[in-house]
Every structure is written in structure tokens, then in C-alpha cells.
Amino acid sequence: MTENGSQNENGNPGGGAAAAVSDDGPKRRVKMKIWRGEGEEGREVEYEVELAEGMVVLDAVLKIQAEQAGDIAVRWNCKAAHCGSCSAEINGRPKLLCKTRVDELADAGEIHVGPLRAFPVIKDLVSDVSWNYDVSRGIKPFHSSEQAPFTMYEEDVERLYEPKKCIECFMCQDVCHVLRTHHKHEEFAGPRFFVRNQWLEMHPMDDEDRLRDIKEKDGVGLCNITKCCTEVCPVGIKITDNSIIPLKERVADEYYDPAKWLMRKIRGRKSMTNREAEAVKNGSR
């Protein structure tokens, strides 16, 4: 008989062969070492959690929060790898907590979970990423002398798809050695914002000039093309190949190629805005 006293269609008790088998064996448990603390002061604290089918690291952390340590600080929102909120370091590697399966890491013996280390730690697994929004506000926004809707070629539109996939998890910022190891936050915008600048620079209807900012304020020259940012991107943006290298090439053409620099002076720069052209015409530049 089943719990409600029913029988299966063959008249046998229970709900079939699968229902007749009970799993009385011990559940697998996984050790998790979670960094606990505020600012630079803290340590790893060990917990054990019962492994459930399909469990991701965020599930495990929330289970520990619910049952063992209610004061664990962890940032999350969509739980679907779309918002980028739950980025952290798992076994020393930036990952999304909601996209990393526990069973793929359990064989290592224990799982280490910590905050993003390129930014100040607020508490436990929560880092202060507000610096990134300050950088974002400093980027010149889209500007066009034409009114939307725009008419654009498909090949131009295709270049704009990839950079718009960014979910601002800031894992590329965290793994970048210029920020993480050398702490060049005042001189270097980081991979995420070269992706944004690439979208703006390659938009065929944008007429703002950003190359001087990309070179001097954002410090694109500090990147030495290690591709570590591309490796950790959860949405598969080829940050190095499709964003950073093209921007480096544009900066090199503008500032370091004598022939092209001279031709631009003769012909006038394509990226010059109407306001800049008017200023040149009036002799104010």
C-alpha cells in the first residue's frame, strides 16, 4: 500500500518498481569553507551540507544560512545567471554561485568560497563593487547628431550584440591582475568598461570622441592581453579579442602611427562631433 492506501494498476502495493525501492543509505555530505569576516579581518569557517541533486553553490550557502549560520552575508537576486549579483570566488576562481554545481567540485574534498578580492570586502561573501559604477559614470554616453530610428547595415549591428550581453558580474574585473594584484584602480578602468567603450566606439551612429579617455583615463595600455578576463566571463564575451585589442588598435592608429595621424589631420577625423567641428571652424581649438 502507498501512504494513502492506494494500489498500482497491477493491483500491487505502492507506485511501481521505482516506488518500491527505498534509499535508506546515508546522504552524501560536502565540506564547505566559507570566508567570514569584515574588511580585511576574517577567516574561513568550515560547514557541512547535505548534497542534494542539482545543488549549486548558492543553494548550499543559503542552506547553511538557514540552518547553521543565519548571519552569513551573501548577495544574490535572480538565481538564474542573469543578474551577476552572486559573483564570488570558488576555490580561488571567480564564478557565479548560482551557476556552479556542487557535485562538480565535491570530489576535491572541500569547497572554498570567498568574496571578490579586487574590491573591498564589506562582510563575508559581499564585496563593495561601487567603484565600478563610479567608472561607468565617467564614460562619455552615446551621442549622435542624427535622430533615432537609425538606418544601419547588418554587419555594423552584429558587432553590437556581444558587448550588450554583459551582466556586470565584475568577475572579469576581479581576475584582472592590473586591478587585483597591482591595485591600479585610479589608472585602469578594467575589462568590463573596455567592453562598454567598444560598444560605443563601434556604434556607427555614435559621433563622440573617446579615444583620448580610453588611452589616458581608462589606461587601455596597461592591459597585456593575458585573456584571463575572457576565461571567466559567464556569458562568453570574447573580451580580449573583440573589445580590448580593437580599442588598442584604434588608440595606436590615432596616437602612434605617424602616417595615419597625418592623414587624419589632413582629412579630418571621422569621429569628430559636430560640436568639435564647429569649434575647429571657429578657431577655438
Protein backbone atom coordinates (compact mmCIF):
# COMPACT_ATOMS: atom_id res chain seq x y z
CA MET A 1 0.00 0.00 0.00
CA THR A 2 1.08 3.58 -0.63
CA GLU A 3 0.84 6.28 2.02
CA ASN A 4 -2.79 7.00 1.06
CA GLY A 5 -3.67 3.31 0.86
CA SER A 6 -3.87 3.11 -2.97
CA GLN A 7 -2.58 0.33 -5.21
CA ASN A 8 -0.92 0.49 -8.59
CA GLU A 9 -2.64 -0.53 -11.85
CA ASN A 10 -1.46 -4.14 -11.46
CA GLY A 11 -3.02 -4.46 -8.04
CA ASN A 12 0.36 -4.47 -6.29
CA PRO A 13 1.07 -2.20 -3.35
CA GLY A 14 2.97 1.02 -3.99
CA GLY A 15 3.53 3.06 -7.10
CA GLY A 16 5.61 0.63 -9.21
CA ALA A 17 9.15 -0.65 -9.14
CA ALA A 18 10.72 2.75 -8.55
CA ALA A 19 8.44 3.45 -5.61
CA ALA A 20 9.18 0.05 -4.08
CA VAL A 21 12.88 0.87 -3.73
CA SER A 22 13.75 2.98 -0.71
CA ASP A 23 17.05 4.75 -0.30
CA ASP A 24 17.96 4.24 3.33
CA GLY A 25 21.69 4.81 2.77
CA PRO A 26 23.48 7.81 4.25
CA LYS A 27 23.22 11.05 2.30
CA ARG A 28 26.46 12.44 0.93
CA ARG A 29 27.76 15.45 2.82
CA VAL A 30 30.12 18.09 1.48
CA LYS A 31 32.55 20.26 3.43
CA MET A 32 32.41 23.96 2.63
CA LYS A 33 34.86 26.52 3.95
CA ILE A 34 33.26 29.96 3.75
CA TRP A 35 35.18 33.16 4.39
CA ARG A 36 33.64 35.01 7.32
CA GLY A 37 34.64 38.48 8.38
CA GLU A 38 34.53 42.20 7.66
CA GLY A 39 37.07 44.23 5.71
CA GLU A 40 40.49 42.59 5.86
CA GLU A 41 39.77 40.84 9.13
CA GLY A 42 38.35 37.36 8.81
CA ARG A 43 38.94 33.65 8.34
CA GLU A 44 37.46 30.57 6.73
CA VAL A 45 34.82 28.75 8.75
CA GLU A 46 34.05 25.13 7.95
CA TYR A 47 30.49 23.88 7.47
CA GLU A 48 28.98 20.64 6.23
CA VAL A 49 25.96 20.49 3.98
CA GLU A 50 23.95 17.55 2.70
CA LEU A 51 24.32 17.24 -1.06
CA ALA A 52 21.05 17.37 -2.98
CA GLU A 53 20.52 16.60 -6.65
CA GLY A 54 21.27 19.61 -8.84
CA MET A 55 22.53 21.70 -5.93
CA VAL A 56 24.57 24.77 -6.85
CA VAL A 57 26.93 26.58 -4.50
CA LEU A 58 24.35 29.32 -3.85
CA ASP A 59 21.87 26.64 -2.72
CA ALA A 60 24.48 25.28 -0.32
CA VAL A 61 25.33 28.70 1.10
CA LEU A 62 21.64 29.54 1.59
CA LYS A 63 21.06 26.16 3.25
CA ILE A 64 23.91 26.88 5.67
CA GLN A 65 22.48 30.35 6.23
CA ALA A 66 19.06 28.87 7.01
CA GLU A 67 20.20 26.00 9.24
CA GLN A 68 23.62 26.72 10.72
CA ALA A 69 24.73 30.37 10.42
CA GLY A 70 21.90 32.81 9.92
CA ASP A 71 24.19 35.83 9.79
CA ILE A 72 26.17 34.85 6.68
CA ALA A 73 26.15 37.78 4.25
CA VAL A 74 25.73 36.80 0.61
CA ARG A 75 24.48 38.84 -2.34
CA TRP A 76 22.10 37.25 -4.85
CA ASN A 77 19.00 38.11 -6.82
CA CYS A 78 17.77 36.16 -9.87
CA LYS A 79 19.36 32.75 -9.19
CA ALA A 80 19.41 32.24 -12.94
CA ALA A 81 22.83 33.60 -14.03
CA HIS A 82 21.29 36.76 -15.48
CA CYS A 83 21.85 39.46 -12.86
CA GLY A 84 25.51 38.91 -11.90
CA SER A 85 24.79 39.62 -8.22
CA CYS A 86 26.11 36.36 -6.76
CA SER A 87 29.64 36.56 -8.14
CA ALA A 88 32.25 35.28 -5.67
CA GLU A 89 35.42 33.22 -5.61
CA ILE A 90 35.06 29.46 -5.52
CA ASN A 91 38.29 27.54 -4.92
CA GLY A 92 40.16 30.74 -5.75
CA ARG A 93 38.41 31.31 -9.09
CA PRO A 94 35.73 33.96 -9.80
CA LYS A 95 32.42 32.23 -10.52
CA LEU A 96 28.69 32.77 -10.19
CA LEU A 97 27.40 30.97 -7.09
CA CYS A 98 24.13 30.18 -8.87
CA LYS A 99 25.81 28.61 -11.89
CA THR A 100 28.43 26.42 -10.18
CA ARG A 101 27.28 22.90 -9.30
CA VAL A 102 28.40 21.44 -6.00
CA ASP A 103 28.72 17.88 -7.33
CA GLU A 104 31.33 19.03 -9.86
CA LEU A 105 33.52 20.32 -7.02
CA ALA A 106 32.79 17.80 -4.28
CA ASP A 107 35.41 15.29 -5.40
CA ALA A 108 38.12 17.79 -4.44
CA GLY A 109 37.26 17.09 -0.79
CA GLU A 110 36.19 20.58 0.26
CA ILE A 111 34.89 23.71 -1.38
CA HIS A 112 36.32 27.13 -0.55
CA VAL A 113 34.00 30.12 -1.03
CA GLY A 114 35.13 33.72 -0.61
CA PRO A 115 34.36 37.27 -1.77
CA LEU A 116 35.72 39.03 -4.85
CA ARG A 117 39.22 40.16 -3.82
CA ALA A 118 39.83 43.02 -6.24
CA PHE A 119 37.42 45.16 -4.22
CA PRO A 120 36.99 45.97 -0.51
CA VAL A 121 35.11 43.33 1.46
CA ILE A 122 32.00 44.54 3.27
CA LYS A 123 31.15 41.31 5.06
CA ASP A 124 31.60 37.60 4.37
CA LEU A 125 30.86 36.99 0.67
CA VAL A 126 29.81 40.57 -0.14
CA SER A 127 32.34 42.93 -1.72
CA ASP A 128 31.93 46.65 -2.30
CA VAL A 129 31.81 46.97 -6.09
CA SER A 130 30.62 50.60 -6.11
CA TRP A 131 33.94 51.72 -7.66
CA ASN A 132 32.76 50.14 -10.90
CA TYR A 133 29.71 52.39 -11.02
CA ASP A 134 31.94 55.43 -10.49
CA VAL A 135 33.97 54.35 -13.52
CA SER A 136 30.78 53.83 -15.50
CA ARG A 137 29.57 57.35 -14.77
CA GLY A 138 32.86 58.73 -16.10
CA ILE A 139 32.40 57.22 -19.59
CA LYS A 140 31.01 59.57 -22.21
CA PRO A 141 27.48 58.40 -23.06
CA PHE A 142 26.15 57.65 -26.52
CA HIS A 143 25.79 60.76 -28.63
CA SER A 144 24.55 61.11 -32.18
CA SER A 145 23.82 64.16 -34.31
CA GLU A 146 21.08 62.14 -36.02
CA GLN A 147 17.71 61.31 -34.57
CA ALA A 148 16.60 57.73 -33.98
CA PRO A 149 15.42 55.46 -35.52
CA PHE A 150 18.71 54.87 -37.30
CA THR A 151 19.35 53.03 -40.54
CA MET A 152 22.35 50.74 -40.10
CA TYR A 153 23.99 47.92 -42.02
CA GLU A 154 23.61 44.42 -40.56
CA GLU A 155 27.38 43.96 -40.32
CA ASP A 156 27.55 47.04 -38.10
CA VAL A 157 24.68 45.85 -35.94
CA GLU A 158 26.26 42.41 -35.44
CA ARG A 159 29.29 43.98 -33.76
CA LEU A 160 26.98 45.47 -31.13
CA TYR A 161 25.35 42.23 -29.98
CA GLU A 162 28.17 40.66 -27.97
CA PRO A 163 29.13 43.56 -25.67
CA LYS A 164 25.47 44.08 -24.72
CA LYS A 165 25.38 40.58 -23.22
CA CYS A 166 27.42 41.76 -20.20
CA ILE A 167 25.58 41.16 -16.89
CA GLU A 168 28.03 43.25 -14.83
CA CYS A 169 29.08 40.44 -12.53
CA PHE A 170 32.51 42.14 -12.40
CA MET A 171 34.32 38.80 -12.38
CA CYS A 172 36.50 40.00 -15.25
CA GLN A 173 37.43 42.97 -13.08
CA ASP A 174 38.20 40.67 -10.16
CA VAL A 175 40.52 38.35 -12.09
CA CYS A 176 42.38 41.15 -13.90
CA HIS A 177 45.89 41.32 -12.43
CA VAL A 178 46.11 45.08 -13.07
CA LEU A 179 43.33 45.59 -10.52
CA ARG A 180 43.66 42.51 -8.31
CA THR A 181 47.44 42.35 -7.90
CA HIS A 182 48.71 45.81 -8.77
CA HIS A 183 45.70 47.82 -7.47
CA LYS A 184 45.74 50.29 -10.38
CA HIS A 185 42.14 51.34 -9.80
CA GLU A 186 42.99 55.02 -10.27
CA GLU A 187 44.66 54.40 -13.64
CA PHE A 188 42.78 51.47 -15.17
CA ALA A 189 39.07 51.08 -15.93
CA GLY A 190 39.19 47.30 -16.30
CA PRO A 191 37.86 44.79 -18.86
CA ARG A 192 34.18 45.39 -18.22
CA PHE A 193 34.46 49.04 -19.25
CA PHE A 194 36.54 48.33 -22.32
CA VAL A 195 33.61 46.15 -23.37
CA ARG A 196 31.29 49.11 -22.86
CA ASN A 197 33.63 51.51 -24.66
CA GLN A 198 33.89 49.05 -27.53
CA TRP A 199 30.10 49.08 -27.94
CA LEU A 200 30.09 52.87 -28.02
CA GLU A 201 33.12 53.20 -30.30
CA MET A 202 31.80 50.66 -32.82
CA HIS A 203 28.27 52.02 -32.92
CA PRO A 204 28.03 53.50 -36.43
CA MET A 205 25.73 56.32 -35.31
CA ASP A 206 27.80 57.46 -32.32
CA ASP A 207 29.93 60.52 -33.02
CA GLU A 208 31.53 61.12 -29.62
CA ASP A 209 35.33 61.01 -29.31
CA ARG A 210 36.51 58.68 -26.52
CA LEU A 211 39.95 57.55 -27.68
CA ARG A 212 41.87 60.03 -25.53
CA ASP A 213 39.92 58.90 -22.45
CA ILE A 214 40.45 55.23 -23.34
CA LYS A 215 44.18 55.84 -23.65
CA GLU A 216 44.80 58.20 -20.74
CA LYS A 217 41.96 57.97 -18.21
CA ASP A 218 40.97 54.31 -18.72
CA GLY A 219 44.55 53.10 -19.27
CA VAL A 220 43.99 50.54 -22.03
CA GLY A 221 47.76 50.35 -22.49
CA LEU A 222 48.16 48.68 -19.08
CA CYS A 223 46.42 45.52 -20.34
CA ASN A 224 48.96 42.94 -21.53
CA ILE A 225 46.44 40.58 -23.15
CA THR A 226 46.52 37.64 -20.73
CA LYS A 227 42.89 36.75 -21.64
CA CYS A 228 42.08 35.86 -18.03
CA CYS A 229 39.02 38.13 -18.24
CA THR A 230 37.70 36.22 -21.25
CA GLU A 231 38.19 32.90 -19.44
CA VAL A 232 35.91 33.82 -16.51
CA CYS A 233 33.14 35.61 -18.42
CA PRO A 234 29.91 33.67 -17.66
CA VAL A 235 28.16 34.81 -20.86
CA GLY A 236 31.03 34.04 -23.23
CA ILE A 237 32.08 37.54 -24.28
CA LYS A 238 35.48 37.43 -26.01
CA ILE A 239 36.63 40.46 -24.05
CA THR A 240 40.27 40.43 -25.11
CA ASP A 241 39.86 39.62 -28.81
CA ASN A 242 36.71 41.60 -29.57
CA SER A 243 36.92 44.55 -27.17
CA ILE A 244 40.38 45.27 -25.77
CA ILE A 245 42.51 44.51 -28.85
CA PRO A 246 40.29 46.56 -31.23
CA LEU A 247 40.44 49.51 -28.83
CA LYS A 248 44.22 49.17 -28.54
CA GLU A 249 44.41 49.20 -32.35
CA ARG A 250 42.31 52.35 -32.59
CA VAL A 251 44.41 54.09 -29.96
CA ALA A 252 47.61 53.02 -31.74
CA ASP A 253 46.30 54.28 -35.09
CA GLU A 254 45.33 57.60 -33.55
CA TYR A 255 48.37 58.32 -31.42
CA TYR A 256 51.29 56.16 -32.60
CA ASP A 257 51.01 55.73 -36.38
CA PRO A 258 52.59 58.84 -37.97
CA ALA A 259 51.16 58.26 -41.46
CA LYS A 260 47.59 57.70 -40.28
CA TRP A 261 47.86 60.53 -37.77
CA LEU A 262 48.92 62.90 -40.58
CA MET A 263 46.13 61.73 -42.87
CA ARG A 264 43.56 62.32 -40.17
CA LYS A 265 44.89 65.82 -39.68
CA ILE A 266 44.51 66.44 -43.42
CA ARG A 267 41.11 64.79 -43.90
CA GLY A 268 39.57 65.48 -40.51
CA ARG A 269 38.74 62.74 -38.07
CA LYS A 270 35.65 60.68 -38.76
CA SER A 271 34.91 60.54 -35.06
CA MET A 272 34.87 64.33 -34.70
CA THR A 273 31.50 65.50 -33.41
CA ASN A 274 29.54 68.38 -34.88
CA ARG A 275 30.35 70.44 -31.80
CA GLU A 276 34.09 69.78 -32.23
CA ALA A 277 33.96 70.55 -35.94
CA GLU A 278 32.22 73.83 -35.22
CA ALA A 279 34.88 74.67 -32.63
CA VAL A 280 37.66 73.98 -35.16
CA LYS A 281 35.87 76.08 -37.76
CA ASN A 282 35.63 78.98 -35.33
CA GLY A 283 39.28 78.68 -34.42
CA SER A 284 38.63 77.87 -30.76
CA ARG A 285 40.51 74.53 -30.88
